[in-house]
Amino acid sequence: SLMMGEFAKRFYQRNLEQNKIPPPGCGPRERLRQECFMTMVFVAEAEEPGTRDARKVHCVMRAGPGGLADHFQGSATIALECGMCLLDAETTGLEVRGGWGTTTWHLAHLNFWDRLVGKGLSFRMLDEAPSREFFSNMLNSTLLLTDSVEVP
């Protein structure tokens, strides 16, 4: 343990001196982190039984300003909410789903997704492939979703 601590210090210091990692305090300033937005688009395609056409849908997730959109605060918030779900499971006697999967799947029955929505994450699921105009608008920071049909 002591040897590993010494190794970590030397490794960190050497990489810092060789400019392989930024020095402490070189991340984005607080104001910039509190003003950032995040938009992610997920596109899925699935074969429909009995047809030649694939069903296409897309989901738009947004967060910000700040909060979950800030990579630093967002990562910490998600880790803390995971921990809170695990503590809730322990105190209520609920089990955490085992096996391989995403955090949301393993903790869904413990309201993990609801916790993230409560922290400012929003999403829309749309029953169509995103259009070229959608991506053009997104790249131009307008992100118009009015022409899409929302899935109930």
C-alpha atoms as a PDB file:
ATOM      1  CA  SER A   1       0.000   0.000   0.000  1.00  0.00           C
ATOM      2  CA  LEU A   2       2.769   2.408   0.933  1.00  0.00           C
ATOM      3  CA  MET A   3       4.738   1.342  -2.140  1.00  0.00           C
ATOM      4  CA  MET A   4       1.712   1.844  -4.400  1.00  0.00           C
ATOM      5  CA  GLY A   5       1.191   5.326  -2.981  1.00  0.00           C
ATOM      6  CA  GLU A   6       4.795   6.239  -3.749  1.00  0.00           C
ATOM      7  CA  PHE A   7       4.500   4.796  -7.262  1.00  0.00           C
ATOM      8  CA  ALA A   8       1.331   6.811  -7.915  1.00  0.00           C
ATOM      9  CA  LYS A   9       3.030  10.040  -6.769  1.00  0.00           C
ATOM     10  CA  ARG A  10       6.041   9.466  -9.030  1.00  0.00           C
ATOM     11  CA  PHE A  11       3.880   8.472 -11.999  1.00  0.00           C
ATOM     12  CA  TYR A  12       1.709  11.553 -11.534  1.00  0.00           C
ATOM     13  CA  GLN A  13       4.684  13.907 -11.077  1.00  0.00           C
ATOM     14  CA  ARG A  14       6.548  12.504 -14.119  1.00  0.00           C
ATOM     15  CA  ASN A  15       3.499  12.834 -16.373  1.00  0.00           C
ATOM     16  CA  LEU A  16       2.871  16.337 -15.066  1.00  0.00           C
ATOM     17  CA  GLU A  17       6.472  17.387 -15.817  1.00  0.00           C
ATOM     18  CA  GLN A  18       6.250  15.889 -19.327  1.00  0.00           C
ATOM     19  CA  ASN A  19       3.026  17.828 -19.985  1.00  0.00           C
ATOM     20  CA  LYS A  20       1.119  14.580 -20.540  1.00  0.00           C
ATOM     21  CA  ILE A  21      -1.556  15.631 -18.049  1.00  0.00           C
ATOM     22  CA  PRO A  22      -2.767  19.114 -17.148  1.00  0.00           C
ATOM     23  CA  PRO A  23      -1.742  20.591 -13.794  1.00  0.00           C
ATOM     24  CA  PRO A  24      -4.322  21.073 -11.031  1.00  0.00           C
ATOM     25  CA  GLY A  25      -6.613  24.036 -11.618  1.00  0.00           C
ATOM     26  CA  CYS A  26      -6.407  23.917 -15.440  1.00  0.00           C
ATOM     27  CA  GLY A  27      -9.941  22.629 -16.013  1.00  0.00           C
ATOM     28  CA  PRO A  28     -12.780  24.832 -17.181  1.00  0.00           C
ATOM     29  CA  ARG A  29     -13.673  27.696 -14.876  1.00  0.00           C
ATOM     30  CA  GLU A  30     -16.757  27.493 -12.670  1.00  0.00           C
ATOM     31  CA  ARG A  31     -18.728  30.023 -14.738  1.00  0.00           C
ATOM     32  CA  LEU A  32     -18.184  28.047 -17.958  1.00  0.00           C
ATOM     33  CA  ARG A  33     -19.128  24.773 -16.253  1.00  0.00           C
ATOM     34  CA  GLN A  34     -22.347  26.313 -14.921  1.00  0.00           C
ATOM     35  CA  GLU A  35     -23.321  27.648 -18.360  1.00  0.00           C
ATOM     36  CA  CYS A  36     -22.734  24.486 -20.414  1.00  0.00           C
ATOM     37  CA  PHE A  37     -25.490  22.433 -22.010  1.00  0.00           C
ATOM     38  CA  MET A  38     -25.370  18.849 -23.187  1.00  0.00           C
ATOM     39  CA  THR A  39     -27.441  17.284 -25.942  1.00  0.00           C
ATOM     40  CA  MET A  40     -27.073  13.642 -26.926  1.00  0.00           C
ATOM     41  CA  VAL A  41     -28.920  11.890 -29.732  1.00  0.00           C
ATOM     42  CA  PHE A  42     -29.344   8.128 -29.761  1.00  0.00           C
ATOM     43  CA  VAL A  43     -30.568   6.471 -32.952  1.00  0.00           C
ATOM     44  CA  ALA A  44     -31.863   2.897 -33.024  1.00  0.00           C
ATOM     45  CA  GLU A  45     -32.920   0.649 -35.868  1.00  0.00           C
ATOM     46  CA  ALA A  46     -34.739  -2.672 -35.446  1.00  0.00           C
ATOM     47  CA  GLU A  47     -36.048  -5.233 -37.877  1.00  0.00           C
ATOM     48  CA  GLU A  48     -39.826  -5.521 -37.868  1.00  0.00           C
ATOM     49  CA  PRO A  49     -41.100  -9.097 -38.205  1.00  0.00           C
ATOM     50  CA  GLY A  50     -42.794  -9.740 -41.529  1.00  0.00           C
ATOM     51  CA  THR A  51     -41.527  -6.556 -43.234  1.00  0.00           C
ATOM     52  CA  ARG A  52     -38.484  -5.542 -45.202  1.00  0.00           C
ATOM     53  CA  ASP A  53     -38.348  -2.132 -43.564  1.00  0.00           C
ATOM     54  CA  ALA A  54     -36.504  -1.488 -40.353  1.00  0.00           C
ATOM     55  CA  ARG A  55     -38.175   0.552 -37.618  1.00  0.00           C
ATOM     56  CA  LYS A  56     -36.158   3.618 -36.726  1.00  0.00           C
ATOM     57  CA  VAL A  57     -36.449   5.745 -33.612  1.00  0.00           C
ATOM     58  CA  HIS A  58     -34.317   8.340 -31.949  1.00  0.00           C
ATOM     59  CA  CYS A  59     -34.028   9.754 -28.465  1.00  0.00           C
ATOM     60  CA  VAL A  60     -32.822  13.231 -27.577  1.00  0.00           C
ATOM     61  CA  MET A  61     -31.408  13.709 -24.076  1.00  0.00           C
ATOM     62  CA  ARG A  62     -30.618  17.174 -22.778  1.00  0.00           C
ATOM     63  CA  ALA A  63     -29.188  18.642 -19.618  1.00  0.00           C
ATOM     64  CA  GLY A  64     -28.092  22.071 -18.567  1.00  0.00           C
ATOM     65  CA  PRO A  65     -27.265  24.699 -17.884  1.00  0.00           C
ATOM     66  CA  GLY A  66     -24.674  23.244 -15.551  1.00  0.00           C
ATOM     67  CA  GLY A  67     -25.594  20.302 -13.358  1.00  0.00           C
ATOM     68  CA  LEU A  68     -25.562  17.029 -15.280  1.00  0.00           C
ATOM     69  CA  ALA A  69     -24.342  18.853 -18.410  1.00  0.00           C
ATOM     70  CA  ASP A  70     -21.077  19.713 -16.665  1.00  0.00           C
ATOM     71  CA  HIS A  71     -18.816  16.686 -17.130  1.00  0.00           C
ATOM     72  CA  PHE A  72     -17.260  17.118 -13.692  1.00  0.00           C
ATOM     73  CA  GLN A  73     -20.460  17.740 -11.748  1.00  0.00           C
ATOM     74  CA  GLY A  74     -22.455  15.365 -13.953  1.00  0.00           C
ATOM     75  CA  SER A  75     -20.121  12.428 -13.309  1.00  0.00           C
ATOM     76  CA  ALA A  76     -20.133  13.112  -9.591  1.00  0.00           C
ATOM     77  CA  THR A  77     -23.922  13.478  -9.512  1.00  0.00           C
ATOM     78  CA  ILE A  78     -24.456  10.171 -11.314  1.00  0.00           C
ATOM     79  CA  ALA A  79     -22.015   8.390  -8.995  1.00  0.00           C
ATOM     80  CA  LEU A  80     -23.747   9.841  -5.928  1.00  0.00           C
ATOM     81  CA  GLU A  81     -27.216   8.936  -7.193  1.00  0.00           C
ATOM     82  CA  CYS A  82     -25.998   5.369  -7.860  1.00  0.00           C
ATOM     83  CA  GLY A  83     -24.736   5.247  -4.281  1.00  0.00           C
ATOM     84  CA  MET A  84     -28.043   6.562  -2.972  1.00  0.00           C
ATOM     85  CA  CYS A  85     -29.900   3.860  -4.914  1.00  0.00           C
ATOM     86  CA  LEU A  86     -27.623   1.185  -3.433  1.00  0.00           C
ATOM     87  CA  LEU A  87     -28.189   2.555   0.074  1.00  0.00           C
ATOM     88  CA  ASP A  88     -31.951   2.612  -0.538  1.00  0.00           C
ATOM     89  CA  ALA A  89     -31.785  -1.009  -1.705  1.00  0.00           C
ATOM     90  CA  GLU A  90     -29.899  -1.976   1.439  1.00  0.00           C
ATOM     91  CA  THR A  91     -32.281  -0.221   3.816  1.00  0.00           C
ATOM     92  CA  THR A  92     -35.480  -1.385   2.081  1.00  0.00           C
ATOM     93  CA  GLY A  93     -34.342  -4.942   1.391  1.00  0.00           C
ATOM     94  CA  LEU A  94     -34.625  -4.618  -2.400  1.00  0.00           C
ATOM     95  CA  GLU A  95     -32.083  -6.395  -4.555  1.00  0.00           C
ATOM     96  CA  VAL A  96     -29.833  -4.837  -7.153  1.00  0.00           C
ATOM     97  CA  ARG A  97     -30.079  -6.597 -10.508  1.00  0.00           C
ATOM     98  CA  GLY A  98     -26.968  -8.654 -11.168  1.00  0.00           C
ATOM     99  CA  GLY A  99     -25.162  -9.422 -14.409  1.00  0.00           C
ATOM    100  CA  TRP A 100     -23.939  -7.281 -17.252  1.00  0.00           C
ATOM    101  CA  GLY A 101     -25.815  -4.126 -18.223  1.00  0.00           C
ATOM    102  CA  THR A 102     -26.094  -0.397 -17.821  1.00  0.00           C
ATOM    103  CA  THR A 103     -26.425   1.428 -14.547  1.00  0.00           C
ATOM    104  CA  THR A 104     -29.954   2.444 -15.473  1.00  0.00           C
ATOM    105  CA  TRP A 105     -30.995  -1.175 -16.042  1.00  0.00           C
ATOM    106  CA  HIS A 106     -29.444  -2.417 -12.806  1.00  0.00           C
ATOM    107  CA  LEU A 107     -30.961   0.389 -10.732  1.00  0.00           C
ATOM    108  CA  ALA A 108     -34.210   1.081 -12.640  1.00  0.00           C
ATOM    109  CA  HIS A 109     -36.441  -0.468  -9.978  1.00  0.00           C
ATOM    110  CA  LEU A 110     -34.752   1.837  -7.433  1.00  0.00           C
ATOM    111  CA  ASN A 111     -35.860   4.997  -9.326  1.00  0.00           C
ATOM    112  CA  PHE A 112     -32.408   5.796 -10.700  1.00  0.00           C
ATOM    113  CA  TRP A 113     -33.816   7.365 -13.880  1.00  0.00           C
ATOM    114  CA  ASP A 114     -36.322   9.443 -11.886  1.00  0.00           C
ATOM    115  CA  ARG A 115     -33.457  10.736  -9.754  1.00  0.00           C
ATOM    116  CA  LEU A 116     -31.596  11.934 -12.871  1.00  0.00           C
ATOM    117  CA  VAL A 117     -34.725  13.575 -14.274  1.00  0.00           C
ATOM    118  CA  GLY A 118     -35.111  15.309 -10.922  1.00  0.00           C
ATOM    119  CA  LYS A 119     -31.577  16.672 -11.346  1.00  0.00           C
ATOM    120  CA  GLY A 120     -32.444  18.272 -14.702  1.00  0.00           C
ATOM    121  CA  LEU A 121     -32.025  15.540 -17.325  1.00  0.00           C
ATOM    122  CA  SER A 122     -34.779  15.558 -19.943  1.00  0.00           C
ATOM    123  CA  PHE A 123     -35.464  13.325 -22.890  1.00  0.00           C
ATOM    124  CA  ARG A 124     -37.807  12.827 -25.821  1.00  0.00           C
ATOM    125  CA  MET A 125     -38.312   9.562 -27.673  1.00  0.00           C
ATOM    126  CA  LEU A 126     -39.378  10.031 -31.284  1.00  0.00           C
ATOM    127  CA  ASP A 127     -40.814   7.316 -33.515  1.00  0.00           C
ATOM    128  CA  GLU A 128     -38.781   8.076 -36.634  1.00  0.00           C
ATOM    129  CA  ALA A 129     -35.238   8.412 -37.851  1.00  0.00           C
ATOM    130  CA  PRO A 130     -33.801  11.890 -37.322  1.00  0.00           C
ATOM    131  CA  SER A 131     -33.908  14.027 -40.458  1.00  0.00           C
ATOM    132  CA  ARG A 132     -31.020  15.900 -42.034  1.00  0.00           C
ATOM    133  CA  GLU A 133     -32.715  19.093 -40.931  1.00  0.00           C
ATOM    134  CA  PHE A 134     -32.734  17.818 -37.347  1.00  0.00           C
ATOM    135  CA  PHE A 135     -28.947  17.362 -37.386  1.00  0.00           C
ATOM    136  CA  SER A 136     -28.430  20.647 -39.202  1.00  0.00           C
ATOM    137  CA  ASN A 137     -30.524  22.423 -36.566  1.00  0.00           C
ATOM    138  CA  MET A 138     -28.678  20.640 -33.801  1.00  0.00           C
ATOM    139  CA  LEU A 139     -25.303  21.654 -35.184  1.00  0.00           C
ATOM    140  CA  ASN A 140     -26.559  25.215 -35.451  1.00  0.00           C
ATOM    141  CA  SER A 141     -27.696  25.015 -31.797  1.00  0.00           C
ATOM    142  CA  THR A 142     -31.379  25.460 -32.573  1.00  0.00           C
ATOM    143  CA  LEU A 143     -32.475  21.824 -32.138  1.00  0.00           C
ATOM    144  CA  LEU A 144     -36.010  22.124 -33.507  1.00  0.00           C
ATOM    145  CA  LEU A 145     -38.084  19.085 -32.598  1.00  0.00           C
ATOM    146  CA  THR A 146     -41.465  20.397 -33.715  1.00  0.00           C
ATOM    147  CA  ASP A 147     -41.638  18.315 -36.941  1.00  0.00           C
ATOM    148  CA  SER A 148     -41.159  15.016 -35.101  1.00  0.00           C
ATOM    149  CA  VAL A 149     -43.877  12.741 -33.771  1.00  0.00           C
ATOM    150  CA  GLU A 150     -43.524  11.967 -30.082  1.00  0.00           C
ATOM    151  CA  VAL A 151     -43.941   8.335 -28.987  1.00  0.00           C
ATOM    152  CA  PRO A 152     -46.547   7.974 -26.227  1.00  0.00           C
END
